[in-house]
Amino acid sequence: MLKAAEGTRMHGYLVMALLTGARTGELRALTWDHVDLEGVPDADPAVPPHVAVWRSVRTGGDTKTRKSRRTLALPQRCVEALKAQKAQQEEDKKAAGARWTDNGLVFASTVGTPLDSHNVRRAFRAVISKTALDPDQWTPRELRHSFVSLLSDQGIPLEEISRLVGHSSTAVTELVYRKQIRPVLQEGAVVMDRIFSAS
């Protein structure tokens, strides 16, 4: 899917959704003043490039819950995608001229106005249609589910996944993503098999 998105206006959006687990409403509200693509590498400890997920398109602009406000380190692929997004947006500003509306949004229309959920879903379906995935079965929200699945598959503790996705508790993460999260209970069986192996 990321390969299919290369060169499209959705590439940065999809990279951010998949690699940070940010909600689609949080990405649509993300502003450049909440993005740091350099970090402070000389600080002790070093501060990595990061994004402050403090806003959403929800009424009043607040995130879903208080714990949804979080600052996330950016994987290098996100940094590269956001730099490309910034360059694309500069081209859009020049092309739009006086029609450009500067809202400071990272992901905006070609004239700087906010994206609505329909814009995002339509562009997402166009990307998905270039893959083996079924566009009728996939929505932008699936990328958040994939983020949780990938972390769980790598053995990241539920508590950390819950913090990264901005849930108020691990119970919410378990309830919403129960299909994506490997049950912790299976770890006991794996350890016991190692200790009491049949050989």
C-alpha atoms as a PDB file:
ATOM      1  CA  MET A   1       0.000   0.000   0.000  1.00  0.00           C
ATOM      2  CA  LEU A   2       2.822   2.434   0.841  1.00  0.00           C
ATOM      3  CA  LYS A   3       4.462   1.612  -2.479  1.00  0.00           C
ATOM      4  CA  ALA A   4       1.165   2.259  -4.292  1.00  0.00           C
ATOM      5  CA  ALA A   5       0.860   5.615  -2.477  1.00  0.00           C
ATOM      6  CA  GLU A   6       4.284   6.878  -3.578  1.00  0.00           C
ATOM      7  CA  GLY A   7       3.936   9.971  -5.728  1.00  0.00           C
ATOM      8  CA  THR A   8       0.347  10.603  -4.616  1.00  0.00           C
ATOM      9  CA  ARG A   9      -0.917  13.314  -2.310  1.00  0.00           C
ATOM     10  CA  MET A  10      -1.851  10.603   0.205  1.00  0.00           C
ATOM     11  CA  HIS A  11       1.653   9.208   0.666  1.00  0.00           C
ATOM     12  CA  GLY A  12       2.669  11.277   3.717  1.00  0.00           C
ATOM     13  CA  TYR A  13      -0.738  10.863   5.301  1.00  0.00           C
ATOM     14  CA  LEU A  14      -0.678   7.083   4.929  1.00  0.00           C
ATOM     15  CA  VAL A  15       2.909   6.778   6.149  1.00  0.00           C
ATOM     16  CA  MET A  16       2.016   8.802   9.261  1.00  0.00           C
ATOM     17  CA  ALA A  17      -1.174   6.817   9.897  1.00  0.00           C
ATOM     18  CA  LEU A  18       0.559   3.448   9.619  1.00  0.00           C
ATOM     19  CA  LEU A  19       3.839   4.275  11.369  1.00  0.00           C
ATOM     20  CA  THR A  20       2.504   6.414  14.252  1.00  0.00           C
ATOM     21  CA  GLY A  21      -0.991   5.001  14.814  1.00  0.00           C
ATOM     22  CA  ALA A  22      -2.473   8.507  14.831  1.00  0.00           C
ATOM     23  CA  ARG A  23      -6.225   8.705  14.323  1.00  0.00           C
ATOM     24  CA  THR A  24      -7.401  10.057  10.973  1.00  0.00           C
ATOM     25  CA  GLY A  25      -9.068  12.987  12.778  1.00  0.00           C
ATOM     26  CA  GLU A  26      -5.770  13.787  14.495  1.00  0.00           C
ATOM     27  CA  LEU A  27      -3.862  13.770  11.204  1.00  0.00           C
ATOM     28  CA  ARG A  28      -6.436  15.991   9.485  1.00  0.00           C
ATOM     29  CA  ALA A  29      -5.980  18.553  12.283  1.00  0.00           C
ATOM     30  CA  LEU A  30      -2.171  18.293  12.469  1.00  0.00           C
ATOM     31  CA  THR A  31      -0.407  21.631  12.010  1.00  0.00           C
ATOM     32  CA  TRP A  32       3.194  22.295  11.063  1.00  0.00           C
ATOM     33  CA  ASP A  33       3.845  24.059  14.373  1.00  0.00           C
ATOM     34  CA  HIS A  34       3.300  20.668  16.072  1.00  0.00           C
ATOM     35  CA  VAL A  35       5.879  18.939  13.876  1.00  0.00           C
ATOM     36  CA  ASP A  36       9.626  18.920  14.613  1.00  0.00           C
ATOM     37  CA  LEU A  37      11.526  17.213  11.800  1.00  0.00           C
ATOM     38  CA  GLU A  38      14.956  17.827  13.335  1.00  0.00           C
ATOM     39  CA  GLY A  39      14.612  17.200  17.066  1.00  0.00           C
ATOM     40  CA  VAL A  40      17.554  18.154  19.274  1.00  0.00           C
ATOM     41  CA  PRO A  41      20.192  15.482  18.652  1.00  0.00           C
ATOM     42  CA  ASP A  42      22.833  17.273  20.776  1.00  0.00           C
ATOM     43  CA  ALA A  43      20.624  17.423  23.892  1.00  0.00           C
ATOM     44  CA  ASP A  44      21.274  15.036  26.766  1.00  0.00           C
ATOM     45  CA  PRO A  45      19.254  12.905  26.353  1.00  0.00           C
ATOM     46  CA  ALA A  46      18.801  13.518  22.633  1.00  0.00           C
ATOM     47  CA  VAL A  47      15.340  14.629  21.504  1.00  0.00           C
ATOM     48  CA  PRO A  48      14.303  12.788  18.313  1.00  0.00           C
ATOM     49  CA  PRO A  49      12.185  14.276  15.526  1.00  0.00           C
ATOM     50  CA  HIS A  50       8.630  14.208  16.819  1.00  0.00           C
ATOM     51  CA  VAL A  51       5.028  15.212  16.357  1.00  0.00           C
ATOM     52  CA  ALA A  52       2.716  16.631  19.023  1.00  0.00           C
ATOM     53  CA  VAL A  53      -0.699  15.003  18.625  1.00  0.00           C
ATOM     54  CA  TRP A  54      -2.655  17.556  20.630  1.00  0.00           C
ATOM     55  CA  ARG A  55      -5.552  18.397  18.314  1.00  0.00           C
ATOM     56  CA  SER A  56      -8.291  16.702  16.356  1.00  0.00           C
ATOM     57  CA  VAL A  57     -11.111  17.624  14.004  1.00  0.00           C
ATOM     58  CA  ARG A  58     -13.581  16.859  16.787  1.00  0.00           C
ATOM     59  CA  THR A  59     -15.865  19.652  17.980  1.00  0.00           C
ATOM     60  CA  GLY A  60     -13.726  22.166  19.858  1.00  0.00           C
ATOM     61  CA  GLY A  61     -10.534  20.794  18.289  1.00  0.00           C
ATOM     62  CA  ASP A  62      -9.643  18.623  21.263  1.00  0.00           C
ATOM     63  CA  THR A  63      -8.406  15.056  21.073  1.00  0.00           C
ATOM     64  CA  LYS A  64     -10.732  12.158  21.853  1.00  0.00           C
ATOM     65  CA  THR A  65      -9.575  11.909  25.491  1.00  0.00           C
ATOM     66  CA  ARG A  66      -7.095  13.739  27.703  1.00  0.00           C
ATOM     67  CA  LYS A  67      -4.655  10.837  27.323  1.00  0.00           C
ATOM     68  CA  SER A  68      -4.977  11.086  23.553  1.00  0.00           C
ATOM     69  CA  ARG A  69      -2.750  14.170  23.743  1.00  0.00           C
ATOM     70  CA  ARG A  70       0.695  12.740  23.208  1.00  0.00           C
ATOM     71  CA  THR A  71       4.047  13.537  21.647  1.00  0.00           C
ATOM     72  CA  LEU A  72       5.368  10.771  19.413  1.00  0.00           C
ATOM     73  CA  ALA A  73       8.888  10.242  18.125  1.00  0.00           C
ATOM     74  CA  LEU A  74       8.870   9.995  14.348  1.00  0.00           C
ATOM     75  CA  PRO A  75      10.341   7.023  12.515  1.00  0.00           C
ATOM     76  CA  GLN A  76      12.796   8.120   9.796  1.00  0.00           C
ATOM     77  CA  ARG A  77      10.345   7.128   7.076  1.00  0.00           C
ATOM     78  CA  CYS A  78       7.805   9.586   8.557  1.00  0.00           C
ATOM     79  CA  VAL A  79      10.423  12.351   8.633  1.00  0.00           C
ATOM     80  CA  GLU A  80      11.167  11.771   4.941  1.00  0.00           C
ATOM     81  CA  ALA A  81       7.473  11.630   4.038  1.00  0.00           C
ATOM     82  CA  LEU A  82       6.753  14.867   5.926  1.00  0.00           C
ATOM     83  CA  LYS A  83       9.662  16.651   4.234  1.00  0.00           C
ATOM     84  CA  ALA A  84       8.222  15.587   0.867  1.00  0.00           C
ATOM     85  CA  GLN A  85       4.780  16.736   2.051  1.00  0.00           C
ATOM     86  CA  LYS A  86       6.182  20.153   2.972  1.00  0.00           C
ATOM     87  CA  ALA A  87       7.834  20.490  -0.447  1.00  0.00           C
ATOM     88  CA  GLN A  88       4.584  19.483  -2.192  1.00  0.00           C
ATOM     89  CA  GLN A  89       2.679  22.016  -0.136  1.00  0.00           C
ATOM     90  CA  GLU A  90       5.096  24.781  -1.139  1.00  0.00           C
ATOM     91  CA  GLU A  91       4.388  23.927  -4.795  1.00  0.00           C
ATOM     92  CA  ASP A  92       0.642  23.968  -4.054  1.00  0.00           C
ATOM     93  CA  LYS A  93       0.957  27.450  -2.477  1.00  0.00           C
ATOM     94  CA  LYS A  94       2.725  28.818  -5.546  1.00  0.00           C
ATOM     95  CA  ALA A  95       0.188  27.242  -7.912  1.00  0.00           C
ATOM     96  CA  ALA A  96      -2.788  28.485  -5.852  1.00  0.00           C
ATOM     97  CA  GLY A  97      -1.478  32.032  -5.487  1.00  0.00           C
ATOM     98  CA  ALA A  98      -4.137  34.277  -3.938  1.00  0.00           C
ATOM     99  CA  ARG A  99      -6.529  31.327  -3.619  1.00  0.00           C
ATOM    100  CA  TRP A 100      -4.262  29.726  -0.970  1.00  0.00           C
ATOM    101  CA  THR A 101      -5.741  29.727   2.534  1.00  0.00           C
ATOM    102  CA  ASP A 102      -2.980  29.310   5.099  1.00  0.00           C
ATOM    103  CA  ASN A 103      -4.308  27.192   7.945  1.00  0.00           C
ATOM    104  CA  GLY A 104      -0.897  25.785   8.828  1.00  0.00           C
ATOM    105  CA  LEU A 105      -2.210  22.282   8.189  1.00  0.00           C
ATOM    106  CA  VAL A 106       0.211  19.488   7.343  1.00  0.00           C
ATOM    107  CA  PHE A 107      -2.416  17.692   5.252  1.00  0.00           C
ATOM    108  CA  ALA A 108      -4.593  20.110   3.321  1.00  0.00           C
ATOM    109  CA  SER A 109      -6.260  20.530  -0.040  1.00  0.00           C
ATOM    110  CA  THR A 110      -4.395  22.029  -2.987  1.00  0.00           C
ATOM    111  CA  VAL A 111      -5.569  25.461  -1.799  1.00  0.00           C
ATOM    112  CA  GLY A 112      -4.745  24.934   1.899  1.00  0.00           C
ATOM    113  CA  THR A 113      -8.242  24.220   3.157  1.00  0.00           C
ATOM    114  CA  PRO A 114      -8.886  21.374   5.630  1.00  0.00           C
ATOM    115  CA  LEU A 115      -9.483  17.888   4.284  1.00  0.00           C
ATOM    116  CA  ASP A 116     -12.786  16.314   5.221  1.00  0.00           C
ATOM    117  CA  SER A 117     -13.248  12.617   5.875  1.00  0.00           C
ATOM    118  CA  HIS A 118     -14.752  12.109   2.406  1.00  0.00           C
ATOM    119  CA  ASN A 119     -11.632  13.549   0.715  1.00  0.00           C
ATOM    120  CA  VAL A 120      -9.423  11.214   2.717  1.00  0.00           C
ATOM    121  CA  ARG A 121     -11.539   8.087   2.131  1.00  0.00           C
ATOM    122  CA  ARG A 122     -11.793   8.766  -1.608  1.00  0.00           C
ATOM    123  CA  ALA A 123      -8.028   9.296  -1.976  1.00  0.00           C
ATOM    124  CA  PHE A 124      -7.363   6.252   0.223  1.00  0.00           C
ATOM    125  CA  ARG A 125      -9.614   4.053  -1.951  1.00  0.00           C
ATOM    126  CA  ALA A 126      -7.756   5.260  -5.054  1.00  0.00           C
ATOM    127  CA  VAL A 127      -4.471   4.093  -3.523  1.00  0.00           C
ATOM    128  CA  ILE A 128      -5.892   0.783  -2.271  1.00  0.00           C
ATOM    129  CA  SER A 129      -7.349   0.050  -5.718  1.00  0.00           C
ATOM    130  CA  LYS A 130      -3.751  -0.134  -7.020  1.00  0.00           C
ATOM    131  CA  THR A 131      -3.000  -3.009  -4.620  1.00  0.00           C
ATOM    132  CA  ALA A 132      -4.258  -6.553  -4.078  1.00  0.00           C
ATOM    133  CA  LEU A 133      -6.349  -5.275  -1.137  1.00  0.00           C
ATOM    134  CA  ASP A 134     -10.118  -4.881  -1.481  1.00  0.00           C
ATOM    135  CA  PRO A 135     -10.979  -1.141  -1.437  1.00  0.00           C
ATOM    136  CA  ASP A 136     -14.440  -1.986  -0.078  1.00  0.00           C
ATOM    137  CA  GLN A 137     -12.887  -3.706   2.952  1.00  0.00           C
ATOM    138  CA  TRP A 138     -10.248  -1.099   3.824  1.00  0.00           C
ATOM    139  CA  THR A 139     -10.643   2.373   5.301  1.00  0.00           C
ATOM    140  CA  PRO A 140      -7.997   4.788   6.617  1.00  0.00           C
ATOM    141  CA  ARG A 141      -8.838   3.535  10.126  1.00  0.00           C
ATOM    142  CA  GLU A 142      -7.400   0.118   9.187  1.00  0.00           C
ATOM    143  CA  LEU A 143      -3.939   1.665   9.297  1.00  0.00           C
ATOM    144  CA  ARG A 144      -4.322   2.312  13.016  1.00  0.00           C
ATOM    145  CA  HIS A 145      -5.360  -1.329  13.474  1.00  0.00           C
ATOM    146  CA  SER A 146      -2.318  -2.387  11.440  1.00  0.00           C
ATOM    147  CA  PHE A 147      -0.071  -0.213  13.645  1.00  0.00           C
ATOM    148  CA  VAL A 148      -1.361  -2.025  16.739  1.00  0.00           C
ATOM    149  CA  SER A 149      -0.962  -5.434  15.068  1.00  0.00           C
ATOM    150  CA  LEU A 150       2.605  -4.738  13.983  1.00  0.00           C
ATOM    151  CA  LEU A 151       3.634  -3.585  17.461  1.00  0.00           C
ATOM    152  CA  SER A 152       1.901  -6.526  19.118  1.00  0.00           C
ATOM    153  CA  ASP A 153       3.586  -8.965  16.726  1.00  0.00           C
ATOM    154  CA  GLN A 154       6.935  -7.452  17.718  1.00  0.00           C
ATOM    155  CA  GLY A 155       6.234  -8.133  21.402  1.00  0.00           C
ATOM    156  CA  ILE A 156       5.627  -4.518  22.463  1.00  0.00           C
ATOM    157  CA  PRO A 157       3.786  -4.563  25.819  1.00  0.00           C
ATOM    158  CA  LEU A 158       0.102  -3.674  25.809  1.00  0.00           C
ATOM    159  CA  GLU A 159       0.753  -0.733  28.152  1.00  0.00           C
ATOM    160  CA  GLU A 160       3.150   0.845  25.658  1.00  0.00           C
ATOM    161  CA  ILE A 161       0.792   0.253  22.715  1.00  0.00           C
ATOM    162  CA  SER A 162      -2.015   1.855  24.714  1.00  0.00           C
ATOM    163  CA  ARG A 163       0.142   4.956  25.366  1.00  0.00           C
ATOM    164  CA  LEU A 164       1.187   5.214  21.721  1.00  0.00           C
ATOM    165  CA  VAL A 165      -2.377   5.111  20.396  1.00  0.00           C
ATOM    166  CA  GLY A 166      -3.595   7.531  23.060  1.00  0.00           C
ATOM    167  CA  HIS A 167      -6.052   5.305  24.893  1.00  0.00           C
ATOM    168  CA  SER A 168      -7.210   6.151  28.392  1.00  0.00           C
ATOM    169  CA  SER A 169      -6.387   2.613  29.578  1.00  0.00           C
ATOM    170  CA  THR A 170      -5.147  -0.775  28.405  1.00  0.00           C
ATOM    171  CA  ALA A 171      -8.724  -2.051  28.815  1.00  0.00           C
ATOM    172  CA  VAL A 172      -9.803   0.248  25.965  1.00  0.00           C
ATOM    173  CA  THR A 173      -6.925  -0.998  23.786  1.00  0.00           C
ATOM    174  CA  GLU A 174      -7.830  -4.617  24.495  1.00  0.00           C
ATOM    175  CA  LEU A 175     -11.518  -3.991  23.766  1.00  0.00           C
ATOM    176  CA  VAL A 176     -11.032  -2.044  20.530  1.00  0.00           C
ATOM    177  CA  TYR A 177      -8.115  -4.043  19.145  1.00  0.00           C
ATOM    178  CA  ARG A 178      -8.786  -7.500  20.562  1.00  0.00           C
ATOM    179  CA  LYS A 179      -8.283  -9.120  17.136  1.00  0.00           C
ATOM    180  CA  GLN A 180      -4.960  -7.361  16.610  1.00  0.00           C
ATOM    181  CA  ILE A 181      -3.420  -7.961  20.034  1.00  0.00           C
ATOM    182  CA  ARG A 182      -1.858 -11.290  20.810  1.00  0.00           C
ATOM    183  CA  PRO A 183      -3.288 -12.473  24.100  1.00  0.00           C
ATOM    184  CA  VAL A 184      -0.733 -12.132  26.883  1.00  0.00           C
ATOM    185  CA  LEU A 185      -2.003 -15.466  28.194  1.00  0.00           C
ATOM    186  CA  GLN A 186      -0.220 -17.347  25.449  1.00  0.00           C
ATOM    187  CA  GLU A 187       3.165 -16.186  26.778  1.00  0.00           C
ATOM    188  CA  GLY A 188       2.782 -18.435  29.830  1.00  0.00           C
ATOM    189  CA  ALA A 189       2.338 -21.510  27.639  1.00  0.00           C
ATOM    190  CA  VAL A 190       5.385 -20.615  25.538  1.00  0.00           C
ATOM    191  CA  VAL A 191       7.566 -20.300  28.646  1.00  0.00           C
ATOM    192  CA  MET A 192       6.250 -23.530  30.157  1.00  0.00           C
ATOM    193  CA  ASP A 193       6.898 -25.377  26.884  1.00  0.00           C
ATOM    194  CA  ARG A 194      10.477 -24.139  27.018  1.00  0.00           C
ATOM    195  CA  ILE A 195      10.921 -25.192  30.655  1.00  0.00           C
ATOM    196  CA  PHE A 196       9.128 -28.517  30.385  1.00  0.00           C
ATOM    197  CA  SER A 197       9.938 -29.457  26.800  1.00  0.00           C
ATOM    198  CA  ALA A 198       9.114 -33.029  25.811  1.00  0.00           C
ATOM    199  CA  SER A 199      12.690 -33.738  24.703  1.00  0.00           C
END
